[in-house]
Structure formats: structure tokens, C-alpha cells
Amino acid sequence: MSRAVVRKVFVTGLVVWVVGAVLLALNVRSGQGQGATLAEAGLILVGIGGVIEVASWIMALISSAMLGRWGWFAVVLILGLIGLLLIVMIIYSLVGPSQRRDMRRPVVAT
């Protein structure tokens, strides 16, 4: 699994989570009891978005392990477990490993 796939899954989960949170916030702000279905839809979307984000975190762990990038694996695992999942996944999506360490070629100045 590539970093691009992990990023797409993470962004999808984040968008679903945000839409659910907005629906939930709109219902709470209105304070009306008739929007209970809106609140339920918001809660369901927040839950689905959270599950998708956790799945992307697991995908990032598997990808790091398959590439043999154990430093990235440890950082993603530890920060995800202590509750910094959103931050670590944003960082991983932007600058995470995309190839094995031994496959990278050194830059040769000419």
C-alpha cells in the first residue's frame, strides 16, 4: 500500500467525520427536539469517519512495516496510541516514507 492510498483513505475519513460533526453541531445549536434524526445522522457519520481514520492509521503502520521503515512505524504507533492520531496522520500523509531505505539513491553532486 502506498502513501497516496493511505492519504486518500485518511482524507475521506476526515471529510466524513467533519460533515458528521457539522450536522451534530447544527442540531445542538438549534436546540429543537424535532431534529433528532439529524443528530443521529451526525453521530453515525462521526463514527464512520472515526473508523475510517483508524483504518488509515493501521494502513500507515502496515505500509511502514512493509517498507522496513521502523522509525516511522514506532512514531506512528506511539503517537497514534497516545491520542495524537490526527496530527501523526497529517504528518505521515505529507512526508511519510514512500520507498525502502535501501532503494533510495544518494544525491551525487556533479
PDB file of N, CA and C in Angstrom:
ATOM      1  N   MET A   1       0.838  -1.173   0.000  1.00  0.00           N
ATOM      2  CA  MET A   1       0.000   0.000   0.000  1.00  0.00           C
ATOM      3  C   MET A   1       0.888   1.244   0.000  1.00  0.00           C
ATOM      4  N   SER A   2       0.535   2.170  -0.840  1.00  0.00           N
ATOM      5  CA  SER A   2       1.370   3.358  -0.975  1.00  0.00           C
ATOM      6  C   SER A   2       0.897   4.469  -0.041  1.00  0.00           C
ATOM      7  N   ARG A   3       1.758   5.454   0.099  1.00  0.00           N
ATOM      8  CA  ARG A   3       1.416   6.604   0.927  1.00  0.00           C
ATOM      9  C   ARG A   3       0.217   7.340   0.342  1.00  0.00           C
ATOM     10  N   ALA A   4       0.090   7.354  -0.981  1.00  0.00           N
ATOM     11  CA  ALA A   4      -1.041   8.030  -1.631  1.00  0.00           C
ATOM     12  C   ALA A   4      -2.364   7.358  -1.263  1.00  0.00           C
ATOM     13  N   VAL A   5      -2.374   6.036  -1.190  1.00  0.00           N
ATOM     14  CA  VAL A   5      -3.594   5.323  -0.816  1.00  0.00           C
ATOM     15  C   VAL A   5      -3.959   5.617   0.636  1.00  0.00           C
ATOM     16  N   VAL A   6      -2.963   5.597   1.502  1.00  0.00           N
ATOM     17  CA  VAL A   6      -3.200   5.906   2.917  1.00  0.00           C
ATOM     18  C   VAL A   6      -3.745   7.323   3.053  1.00  0.00           C
ATOM     19  N   ARG A   7      -3.181   8.263   2.295  1.00  0.00           N
ATOM     20  CA  ARG A   7      -3.625   9.652   2.345  1.00  0.00           C
ATOM     21  C   ARG A   7      -5.076   9.785   1.882  1.00  0.00           C
ATOM     22  N   LYS A   8      -5.446   9.092   0.802  1.00  0.00           N
ATOM     23  CA  LYS A   8      -6.817   9.163   0.293  1.00  0.00           C
ATOM     24  C   LYS A   8      -7.817   8.612   1.312  1.00  0.00           C
ATOM     25  N   VAL A   9      -7.469   7.513   1.934  1.00  0.00           N
ATOM     26  CA  VAL A   9      -8.352   6.929   2.947  1.00  0.00           C
ATOM     27  C   VAL A   9      -8.474   7.868   4.143  1.00  0.00           C
ATOM     28  N   PHE A  10      -7.358   8.444   4.577  1.00  0.00           N
ATOM     29  CA  PHE A  10      -7.384   9.360   5.707  1.00  0.00           C
ATOM     30  C   PHE A  10      -8.221  10.605   5.419  1.00  0.00           C
ATOM     31  N   VAL A  11      -8.028  11.199   4.256  1.00  0.00           N
ATOM     32  CA  VAL A  11      -8.787  12.407   3.901  1.00  0.00           C
ATOM     33  C   VAL A  11     -10.274  12.088   3.783  1.00  0.00           C
ATOM     34  N   THR A  12     -10.609  10.919   3.240  1.00  0.00           N
ATOM     35  CA  THR A  12     -12.017  10.509   3.167  1.00  0.00           C
ATOM     36  C   THR A  12     -12.624  10.405   4.559  1.00  0.00           C
ATOM     37  N   GLY A  13     -11.922   9.746   5.467  1.00  0.00           N
ATOM     38  CA  GLY A  13     -12.406   9.630   6.840  1.00  0.00           C
ATOM     39  C   GLY A  13     -12.536  10.984   7.518  1.00  0.00           C
ATOM     40  N   LEU A  14     -11.590  11.865   7.265  1.00  0.00           N
ATOM     41  CA  LEU A  14     -11.625  13.193   7.863  1.00  0.00           C
ATOM     42  C   LEU A  14     -12.824  13.993   7.346  1.00  0.00           C
ATOM     43  N   VAL A  15     -13.089  13.913   6.049  1.00  0.00           N
ATOM     44  CA  VAL A  15     -14.232  14.632   5.477  1.00  0.00           C
ATOM     45  C   VAL A  15     -15.542  14.098   6.040  1.00  0.00           C
ATOM     46  N   VAL A  16     -15.676  12.781   6.120  1.00  0.00           N
ATOM     47  CA  VAL A  16     -16.896  12.183   6.678  1.00  0.00           C
ATOM     48  C   VAL A  16     -17.070  12.606   8.131  1.00  0.00           C
ATOM     49  N   TRP A  17     -15.978  12.601   8.896  1.00  0.00           N
ATOM     50  CA  TRP A  17     -16.042  12.999  10.300  1.00  0.00           C
ATOM     51  C   TRP A  17     -16.474  14.449  10.444  1.00  0.00           C
ATOM     52  N   VAL A  18     -15.907  15.335   9.631  1.00  0.00           N
ATOM     53  CA  VAL A  18     -16.235  16.761   9.712  1.00  0.00           C
ATOM     54  C   VAL A  18     -17.693  17.007   9.335  1.00  0.00           C
ATOM     55  N   VAL A  19     -18.179  16.346   8.298  1.00  0.00           N
ATOM     56  CA  VAL A  19     -19.587  16.501   7.915  1.00  0.00           C
ATOM     57  C   VAL A  19     -20.498  16.051   9.058  1.00  0.00           C
ATOM     58  N   GLY A  20     -20.190  14.940   9.680  1.00  0.00           N
ATOM     59  CA  GLY A  20     -20.976  14.469  10.820  1.00  0.00           C
ATOM     60  C   GLY A  20     -20.919  15.429  11.990  1.00  0.00           C
ATOM     61  N   ALA A  21     -19.745  15.979  12.252  1.00  0.00           N
ATOM     62  CA  ALA A  21     -19.615  16.930  13.361  1.00  0.00           C
ATOM     63  C   ALA A  21     -20.403  18.205  13.088  1.00  0.00           C
ATOM     64  N   VAL A  22     -20.414  18.656  11.835  1.00  0.00           N
ATOM     65  CA  VAL A  22     -21.190  19.853  11.488  1.00  0.00           C
ATOM     66  C   VAL A  22     -22.681  19.591  11.654  1.00  0.00           C
ATOM     67  N   LEU A  23     -23.154  18.441  11.186  1.00  0.00           N
ATOM     68  CA  LEU A  23     -24.569  18.094  11.366  1.00  0.00           C
ATOM     69  C   LEU A  23     -24.938  18.038  12.847  1.00  0.00           C
ATOM     70  N   LEU A  24     -24.080  17.445  13.634  1.00  0.00           N
ATOM     71  CA  LEU A  24     -24.323  17.344  15.071  1.00  0.00           C
ATOM     72  C   LEU A  24     -24.317  18.719  15.726  1.00  0.00           C
ATOM     73  N   ALA A  25     -23.376  19.569  15.349  1.00  0.00           N
ATOM     74  CA  ALA A  25     -23.299  20.917  15.924  1.00  0.00           C
ATOM     75  C   ALA A  25     -24.501  21.758  15.537  1.00  0.00           C
ATOM     76  N   LEU A  26     -24.964  21.625  14.307  1.00  0.00           N
ATOM     77  CA  LEU A  26     -26.150  22.368  13.878  1.00  0.00           C
ATOM     78  C   LEU A  26     -27.376  21.959  14.674  1.00  0.00           C
ATOM     79  N   ASN A  27     -27.500  20.677  14.957  1.00  0.00           N
ATOM     80  CA  ASN A  27     -28.647  20.203  15.727  1.00  0.00           C
ATOM     81  C   ASN A  27     -28.564  20.662  17.175  1.00  0.00           C
ATOM     82  N   VAL A  28     -27.395  20.615  17.761  1.00  0.00           N
ATOM     83  CA  VAL A  28     -27.231  21.035  19.153  1.00  0.00           C
ATOM     84  C   VAL A  28     -27.470  22.538  19.273  1.00  0.00           C
ATOM     85  N   ARG A  29     -27.001  23.294  18.296  1.00  0.00           N
ATOM     86  CA  ARG A  29     -27.157  24.745  18.339  1.00  0.00           C
ATOM     87  C   ARG A  29     -28.619  25.157  18.201  1.00  0.00           C
ATOM     88  N   SER A  30     -29.377  24.439  17.380  1.00  0.00           N
ATOM     89  CA  SER A  30     -30.781  24.805  17.193  1.00  0.00           C
ATOM     90  C   SER A  30     -31.598  24.522  18.448  1.00  0.00           C
ATOM     91  N   GLY A  31     -31.226  23.502  19.193  1.00  0.00           N
ATOM     92  CA  GLY A  31     -31.892  23.188  20.450  1.00  0.00           C
ATOM     93  C   GLY A  31     -33.302  22.655  20.292  1.00  0.00           C
ATOM     94  N   GLN A  32     -33.663  22.237  19.115  1.00  0.00           N
ATOM     95  CA  GLN A  32     -35.008  21.720  18.883  1.00  0.00           C
ATOM     96  C   GLN A  32     -34.988  20.203  18.915  1.00  0.00           C
ATOM     97  N   GLY A  33     -36.040  19.632  19.461  1.00  0.00           N
ATOM     98  CA  GLY A  33     -36.131  18.188  19.572  1.00  0.00           C
ATOM     99  C   GLY A  33     -36.514  17.508  18.277  1.00  0.00           C
ATOM    100  N   GLN A  34     -37.041  18.246  17.332  1.00  0.00           N
ATOM    101  CA  GLN A  34     -37.505  17.628  16.099  1.00  0.00           C
ATOM    102  C   GLN A  34     -36.359  17.239  15.164  1.00  0.00           C
ATOM    103  N   GLY A  35     -35.162  17.715  15.416  1.00  0.00           N
ATOM    104  CA  GLY A  35     -34.026  17.385  14.570  1.00  0.00           C
ATOM    105  C   GLY A  35     -33.250  16.190  15.084  1.00  0.00           C
ATOM    106  N   ALA A  36     -33.941  15.281  15.789  1.00  0.00           N
ATOM    107  CA  ALA A  36     -33.244  14.125  16.361  1.00  0.00           C
ATOM    108  C   ALA A  36     -32.644  13.248  15.271  1.00  0.00           C
ATOM    109  N   THR A  37     -33.304  13.158  14.137  1.00  0.00           N
ATOM    110  CA  THR A  37     -32.734  12.340  13.063  1.00  0.00           C
ATOM    111  C   THR A  37     -31.464  12.975  12.509  1.00  0.00           C
ATOM    112  N   LEU A  38     -31.416  14.303  12.513  1.00  0.00           N
ATOM    113  CA  LEU A  38     -30.207  14.996  12.078  1.00  0.00           C
ATOM    114  C   LEU A  38     -29.054  14.712  13.041  1.00  0.00           C
ATOM    115  N   ALA A  39     -29.362  14.708  14.322  1.00  0.00           N
ATOM    116  CA  ALA A  39     -28.336  14.402  15.322  1.00  0.00           C
ATOM    117  C   ALA A  39     -27.864  12.957  15.193  1.00  0.00           C
ATOM    118  N   GLU A  40     -28.798  12.042  14.950  1.00  0.00           N
ATOM    119  CA  GLU A  40     -28.413  10.640  14.779  1.00  0.00           C
ATOM    120  C   GLU A  40     -27.557  10.453  13.543  1.00  0.00           C
ATOM    121  N   ALA A  41     -27.928  11.139  12.460  1.00  0.00           N
ATOM    122  CA  ALA A  41     -27.121  11.057  11.240  1.00  0.00           C
ATOM    123  C   ALA A  41     -25.720  11.620  11.501  1.00  0.00           C
ATOM    124  N   GLY A  42     -25.640  12.713  12.238  1.00  0.00           N
ATOM    125  CA  GLY A  42     -24.351  13.293  12.578  1.00  0.00           C
ATOM    126  C   GLY A  42     -23.500  12.343  13.401  1.00  0.00           C
ATOM    127  N   LEU A  43     -24.102  11.698  14.390  1.00  0.00           N
ATOM    128  CA  LEU A  43     -23.363  10.747  15.218  1.00  0.00           C
ATOM    129  C   LEU A  43     -22.878   9.554  14.404  1.00  0.00           C
ATOM    130  N   ILE A  44     -23.735   9.085  13.509  1.00  0.00           N
ATOM    131  CA  ILE A  44     -23.344   7.946  12.670  1.00  0.00           C
ATOM    132  C   ILE A  44     -22.184   8.328  11.767  1.00  0.00           C
ATOM    133  N   LEU A  45     -22.254   9.517  11.161  1.00  0.00           N
ATOM    134  CA  LEU A  45     -21.166   9.952  10.281  1.00  0.00           C
ATOM    135  C   LEU A  45     -19.869  10.185  11.049  1.00  0.00           C
ATOM    136  N   VAL A  46     -19.957  10.730  12.252  1.00  0.00           N
ATOM    137  CA  VAL A  46     -18.756  10.901  13.078  1.00  0.00           C
ATOM    138  C   VAL A  46     -18.140   9.535  13.388  1.00  0.00           C
ATOM    139  N   GLY A  47     -18.972   8.559  13.714  1.00  0.00           N
ATOM    140  CA  GLY A  47     -18.478   7.213  13.998  1.00  0.00           C
ATOM    141  C   GLY A  47     -17.833   6.561  12.787  1.00  0.00           C
ATOM    142  N   ILE A  48     -18.488   6.673  11.634  1.00  0.00           N
ATOM    143  CA  ILE A  48     -17.935   6.090  10.407  1.00  0.00           C
ATOM    144  C   ILE A  48     -16.620   6.775  10.044  1.00  0.00           C
ATOM    145  N   GLY A  49     -16.586   8.104  10.146  1.00  0.00           N
ATOM    146  CA  GLY A  49     -15.350   8.834   9.857  1.00  0.00           C
ATOM    147  C   GLY A  49     -14.218   8.423  10.790  1.00  0.00           C
ATOM    148  N   GLY A  50     -14.536   8.234  12.065  1.00  0.00           N
ATOM    149  CA  GLY A  50     -13.523   7.790  13.024  1.00  0.00           C
ATOM    150  C   GLY A  50     -12.986   6.405  12.692  1.00  0.00           C
ATOM    151  N   VAL A  51     -13.875   5.501  12.296  1.00  0.00           N
ATOM    152  CA  VAL A  51     -13.447   4.149  11.929  1.00  0.00           C
ATOM    153  C   VAL A  51     -12.546   4.198  10.695  1.00  0.00           C
ATOM    154  N   ILE A  52     -12.905   5.030   9.713  1.00  0.00           N
ATOM    155  CA  ILE A  52     -12.090   5.155   8.502  1.00  0.00           C
ATOM    156  C   ILE A  52     -10.712   5.734   8.849  1.00  0.00           C
ATOM    157  N   GLU A  53     -10.663   6.704   9.747  1.00  0.00           N
ATOM    158  CA  GLU A  53      -9.371   7.278  10.147  1.00  0.00           C
ATOM    159  C   GLU A  53      -8.503   6.252  10.868  1.00  0.00           C
ATOM    160  N   VAL A  54      -9.106   5.445  11.726  1.00  0.00           N
ATOM    161  CA  VAL A  54      -8.336   4.393  12.408  1.00  0.00           C
ATOM    162  C   VAL A  54      -7.838   3.371  11.385  1.00  0.00           C
ATOM    163  N   ALA A  55      -8.665   3.061  10.387  1.00  0.00           N
ATOM    164  CA  ALA A  55      -8.241   2.141   9.332  1.00  0.00           C
ATOM    165  C   ALA A  55      -7.052   2.714   8.567  1.00  0.00           C
ATOM    166  N   SER A  56      -7.059   4.021   8.308  1.00  0.00           N
ATOM    167  CA  SER A  56      -5.921   4.629   7.602  1.00  0.00           C
ATOM    168  C   SER A  56      -4.667   4.595   8.476  1.00  0.00           C
ATOM    169  N   TRP A  57      -4.839   4.735   9.785  1.00  0.00           N
ATOM    170  CA  TRP A  57      -3.695   4.649  10.703  1.00  0.00           C
ATOM    171  C   TRP A  57      -3.092   3.241  10.664  1.00  0.00           C
ATOM    172  N   ILE A  58      -3.957   2.228  10.664  1.00  0.00           N
ATOM    173  CA  ILE A  58      -3.475   0.843  10.583  1.00  0.00           C
ATOM    174  C   ILE A  58      -2.785   0.601   9.245  1.00  0.00           C
ATOM    175  N   MET A  59      -3.344   1.174   8.176  1.00  0.00           N
ATOM    176  CA  MET A  59      -2.710   1.057   6.863  1.00  0.00           C
ATOM    177  C   MET A  59      -1.327   1.712   6.858  1.00  0.00           C
ATOM    178  N   ALA A  60      -1.193   2.841   7.539  1.00  0.00           N
ATOM    179  CA  ALA A  60       0.101   3.511   7.630  1.00  0.00           C
ATOM    180  C   ALA A  60       1.104   2.649   8.398  1.00  0.00           C
ATOM    181  N   LEU A  61       0.638   1.997   9.454  1.00  0.00           N
ATOM    182  CA  LEU A  61       1.523   1.106  10.209  1.00  0.00           C
ATOM    183  C   LEU A  61       1.982  -0.069   9.348  1.00  0.00           C
ATOM    184  N   ILE A  62       1.041  -0.670   8.633  1.00  0.00           N
ATOM    185  CA  ILE A  62       1.383  -1.813   7.777  1.00  0.00           C
ATOM    186  C   ILE A  62       2.338  -1.378   6.668  1.00  0.00           C
ATOM    187  N   SER A  63       2.062  -0.227   6.070  1.00  0.00           N
ATOM    188  CA  SER A  63       2.910   0.271   4.993  1.00  0.00           C
ATOM    189  C   SER A  63       4.327   0.545   5.494  1.00  0.00           C
ATOM    190  N   SER A  64       4.450   1.168   6.652  1.00  0.00           N
ATOM    191  CA  SER A  64       5.773   1.447   7.221  1.00  0.00           C
ATOM    192  C   SER A  64       6.524   0.154   7.516  1.00  0.00           C
ATOM    193  N   ALA A  65       5.821  -0.839   8.041  1.00  0.00           N
ATOM    194  CA  ALA A  65       6.461  -2.117   8.344  1.00  0.00           C
ATOM    195  C   ALA A  65       6.883  -2.836   7.065  1.00  0.00           C
ATOM    196  N   MET A  66       6.050  -2.794   6.044  1.00  0.00           N
ATOM    197  CA  MET A  66       6.397  -3.459   4.778  1.00  0.00           C
ATOM    198  C   MET A  66       7.607  -2.807   4.110  1.00  0.00           C
ATOM    199  N   LEU A  67       7.748  -1.508   4.290  1.00  0.00           N
ATOM    200  CA  LEU A  67       8.896  -0.809   3.724  1.00  0.00           C
ATOM    201  C   LEU A  67      10.150  -0.949   4.588  1.00  0.00           C
ATOM    202  N   GLY A  68       9.989  -1.492   5.786  1.00  0.00           N
ATOM    203  CA  GLY A  68      11.131  -1.635   6.676  1.00  0.00           C
ATOM    204  C   GLY A  68      11.551  -0.326   7.309  1.00  0.00           C
ATOM    205  N   ARG A  69      10.656   0.617   7.389  1.00  0.00           N
ATOM    206  CA  ARG A  69      10.940   1.926   7.988  1.00  0.00           C
ATOM    207  C   ARG A  69      10.466   1.900   9.443  1.00  0.00           C
ATOM    208  N   TRP A  70      11.279   1.325  10.300  1.00  0.00           N
ATOM    209  CA  TRP A  70      10.882   1.054  11.679  1.00  0.00           C
ATOM    210  C   TRP A  70      10.813   2.317  12.534  1.00  0.00           C
ATOM    211  N   GLY A  71      11.555   3.331  12.197  1.00  0.00           N
ATOM    212  CA  GLY A  71      11.456   4.602  12.911  1.00  0.00           C
ATOM    213  C   GLY A  71      10.079   5.219  12.689  1.00  0.00           C
ATOM    214  N   TRP A  72       9.647   5.245  11.430  1.00  0.00           N
ATOM    215  CA  TRP A  72       8.312   5.751  11.126  1.00  0.00           C
ATOM    216  C   TRP A  72       7.243   4.894  11.793  1.00  0.00           C
ATOM    217  N   PHE A  73       7.441   3.575  11.757  1.00  0.00           N
ATOM    218  CA  PHE A  73       6.476   2.667  12.381  1.00  0.00           C
ATOM    219  C   PHE A  73       6.311   3.005  13.857  1.00  0.00           C
ATOM    220  N   ALA A  74       7.430   3.160  14.568  1.00  0.00           N
ATOM    221  CA  ALA A  74       7.374   3.440  16.003  1.00  0.00           C
ATOM    222  C   ALA A  74       6.709   4.785  16.292  1.00  0.00           C
ATOM    223  N   VAL A  75       7.054   5.796  15.504  1.00  0.00           N
ATOM    224  CA  VAL A  75       6.471   7.125  15.728  1.00  0.00           C
ATOM    225  C   VAL A  75       4.969   7.104  15.466  1.00  0.00           C
ATOM    226  N   VAL A  76       4.553   6.505  14.355  1.00  0.00           N
ATOM    227  CA  VAL A  76       3.121   6.435  14.023  1.00  0.00           C
ATOM    228  C   VAL A  76       2.373   5.632  15.079  1.00  0.00           C
ATOM    229  N   LEU A  77       2.949   4.532  15.533  1.00  0.00           N
ATOM    230  CA  LEU A  77       2.300   3.702  16.544  1.00  0.00           C
ATOM    231  C   LEU A  77       2.162   4.434  17.873  1.00  0.00           C
ATOM    232  N   ILE A  78       3.254   4.981  18.365  1.00  0.00           N
ATOM    233  CA  ILE A  78       3.233   5.614  19.692  1.00  0.00           C
ATOM    234  C   ILE A  78       2.344   6.851  19.701  1.00  0.00           C
ATOM    235  N   LEU A  79       2.500   7.728  18.719  1.00  0.00           N
ATOM    236  CA  LEU A  79       1.681   8.940  18.711  1.00  0.00           C
ATOM    237  C   LEU A  79       0.203   8.630  18.476  1.00  0.00           C
ATOM    238  N   GLY A  80      -0.075   7.615  17.686  1.00  0.00           N
ATOM    239  CA  GLY A  80      -1.464   7.212  17.494  1.00  0.00           C
ATOM    240  C   GLY A  80      -2.082   6.656  18.766  1.00  0.00           C
ATOM    241  N   LEU A  81      -1.302   5.899  19.520  1.00  0.00           N
ATOM    242  CA  LEU A  81      -1.818   5.305  20.757  1.00  0.00           C
ATOM    243  C   LEU A  81      -2.023   6.322  21.872  1.00  0.00           C
ATOM    244  N   ILE A  82      -1.247   7.415  21.866  1.00  0.00           N
ATOM    245  CA  ILE A  82      -1.425   8.399  22.941  1.00  0.00           C
ATOM    246  C   ILE A  82      -2.453   9.469  22.582  1.00  0.00           C
ATOM    247  N   GLY A  83      -3.105   9.308  21.428  1.00  0.00           N
ATOM    248  CA  GLY A  83      -4.214  10.197  21.099  1.00  0.00           C
ATOM    249  C   GLY A  83      -3.905  11.295  20.113  1.00  0.00           C
ATOM    250  N   LEU A  84      -2.755  11.247  19.490  1.00  0.00           N
ATOM    251  CA  LEU A  84      -2.396  12.264  18.510  1.00  0.00           C
ATOM    252  C   LEU A  84      -2.557  11.732  17.086  1.00  0.00           C
ATOM    253  N   LEU A  85      -3.606  10.957  16.888  1.00  0.00           N
ATOM    254  CA  LEU A  85      -3.830  10.290  15.602  1.00  0.00           C
ATOM    255  C   LEU A  85      -3.965  11.290  14.459  1.00  0.00           C
ATOM    256  N   LEU A  86      -4.723  12.344  14.666  1.00  0.00           N
ATOM    257  CA  LEU A  86      -4.936  13.333  13.613  1.00  0.00           C
ATOM    258  C   LEU A  86      -3.620  13.988  13.197  1.00  0.00           C
ATOM    259  N   ILE A  87      -2.825  14.384  14.166  1.00  0.00           N
ATOM    260  CA  ILE A  87      -1.554  15.057  13.877  1.00  0.00           C
ATOM    261  C   ILE A  87      -0.575  14.108  13.185  1.00  0.00           C
ATOM    262  N   VAL A  88      -0.452  12.895  13.693  1.00  0.00           N
ATOM    263  CA  VAL A  88       0.513  11.967  13.113  1.00  0.00           C
ATOM    264  C   VAL A  88       0.093  11.553  11.705  1.00  0.00           C
ATOM    265  N   MET A  89      -1.200  11.454  11.447  1.00  0.00           N
ATOM    266  CA  MET A  89      -1.638  11.077  10.105  1.00  0.00           C
ATOM    267  C   MET A  89      -1.467  12.223   9.112  1.00  0.00           C
ATOM    268  N   ILE A  90      -1.621  13.448   9.558  1.00  0.00           N
ATOM    269  CA  ILE A  90      -1.355  14.580   8.668  1.00  0.00           C
ATOM    270  C   ILE A  90       0.119  14.607   8.293  1.00  0.00           C
ATOM    271  N   ILE A  91       0.990  14.418   9.284  1.00  0.00           N
ATOM    272  CA  ILE A  91       2.429  14.410   9.026  1.00  0.00           C
ATOM    273  C   ILE A  91       2.797  13.236   8.120  1.00  0.00           C
ATOM    274  N   TYR A  92       2.249  12.050   8.412  1.00  0.00           N
ATOM    275  CA  TYR A  92       2.552  10.873   7.600  1.00  0.00           C
ATOM    276  C   TYR A  92       2.076  11.075   6.163  1.00  0.00           C
ATOM    277  N   SER A  93       0.909  11.674   5.993  1.00  0.00           N
ATOM    278  CA  SER A  93       0.370  11.895   4.651  1.00  0.00           C
ATOM    279  C   SER A  93       1.239  12.831   3.828  1.00  0.00           C
ATOM    280  N   LEU A  94       1.875  13.780   4.490  1.00  0.00           N
ATOM    281  CA  LEU A  94       2.688  14.756   3.768  1.00  0.00           C
ATOM    282  C   LEU A  94       4.123  14.294   3.537  1.00  0.00           C
ATOM    283  N   VAL A  95       4.759  13.718   4.550  1.00  0.00           N
ATOM    284  CA  VAL A  95       6.185  13.412   4.441  1.00  0.00           C
ATOM    285  C   VAL A  95       6.546  11.985   4.837  1.00  0.00           C
ATOM    286  N   GLY A  96       5.574  11.103   4.915  1.00  0.00           N
ATOM    287  CA  GLY A  96       5.855   9.726   5.299  1.00  0.00           C
ATOM    288  C   GLY A  96       6.683   8.987   4.261  1.00  0.00           C
ATOM    289  N   PRO A  97       7.175   7.808   4.622  1.00  0.00           N
ATOM    290  CA  PRO A  97       8.031   7.058   3.696  1.00  0.00           C
ATOM    291  C   PRO A  97       7.243   6.546   2.498  1.00  0.00           C
ATOM    292  N   SER A  98       7.896   6.571   1.337  1.00  0.00           N
ATOM    293  CA  SER A  98       7.240   6.055   0.138  1.00  0.00           C
ATOM    294  C   SER A  98       8.047   4.930  -0.510  1.00  0.00           C
ATOM    295  N   GLN A  99       9.269   4.728  -0.044  1.00  0.00           N
ATOM    296  CA  GLN A  99      10.080   3.638  -0.573  1.00  0.00           C
ATOM    297  C   GLN A  99      11.035   3.139   0.513  1.00  0.00           C
ATOM    298  N   ARG A 100      11.572   1.951   0.256  1.00  0.00           N
ATOM    299  CA  ARG A 100      12.510   1.360   1.205  1.00  0.00           C
ATOM    300  C   ARG A 100      13.761   2.223   1.346  1.00  0.00           C
ATOM    301  N   ARG A 101      14.375   2.156   2.498  1.00  0.00           N
ATOM    302  CA  ARG A 101      15.588   2.934   2.749  1.00  0.00           C
ATOM    303  C   ARG A 101      16.712   2.487   1.817  1.00  0.00           C
ATOM    304  N   ASP A 102      16.885   1.192   1.592  1.00  0.00           N
ATOM    305  CA  ASP A 102      17.990   0.709   0.778  1.00  0.00           C
ATOM    306  C   ASP A 102      17.762   0.946  -0.721  1.00  0.00           C
ATOM    307  N   MET A 103      16.552   1.321  -1.127  1.00  0.00           N
ATOM    308  CA  MET A 103      16.273   1.572  -2.534  1.00  0.00           C
ATOM    309  C   MET A 103      16.539   3.021  -2.923  1.00  0.00           C
ATOM    310  N   ARG A 104      16.668   3.886  -1.939  1.00  0.00           N
ATOM    311  CA  ARG A 104      16.931   5.292  -2.243  1.00  0.00           C
ATOM    312  C   ARG A 104      18.350   5.455  -2.749  1.00  0.00           C
ATOM    313  N   ARG A 105      18.508   6.262  -3.752  1.00  0.00           N
ATOM    314  CA  ARG A 105      19.843   6.538  -4.277  1.00  0.00           C
ATOM    315  C   ARG A 105      20.354   7.842  -3.698  1.00  0.00           C
ATOM    316  N   PRO A 106      21.609   7.881  -3.316  1.00  0.00           N
ATOM    317  CA  PRO A 106      22.162   9.139  -2.800  1.00  0.00           C
ATOM    318  C   PRO A 106      22.257  10.179  -3.918  1.00  0.00           C
ATOM    319  N   VAL A 107      22.102  11.417  -3.538  1.00  0.00           N
ATOM    320  CA  VAL A 107      22.234  12.501  -4.498  1.00  0.00           C
ATOM    321  C   VAL A 107      23.722  12.757  -4.730  1.00  0.00           C
ATOM    322  N   VAL A 108      24.115  12.712  -5.974  1.00  0.00           N
ATOM    323  CA  VAL A 108      25.518  12.895  -6.331  1.00  0.00           C
ATOM    324  C   VAL A 108      25.660  14.266  -6.968  1.00  0.00           C
ATOM    325  N   ALA A 109      26.486  15.095  -6.391  1.00  0.00           N
ATOM    326  CA  ALA A 109      26.736  16.422  -6.938  1.00  0.00           C
ATOM    327  C   ALA A 109      27.676  16.312  -8.124  1.00  0.00           C
ATOM    328  N   THR A 110      27.345  16.993  -9.189  1.00  0.00           N
ATOM    329  CA  THR A 110      28.220  16.936 -10.379  1.00  0.00           C
ATOM    330  C   THR A 110      28.917  18.239 -10.620  1.00  0.00           C
TER     331      THR A 110
END
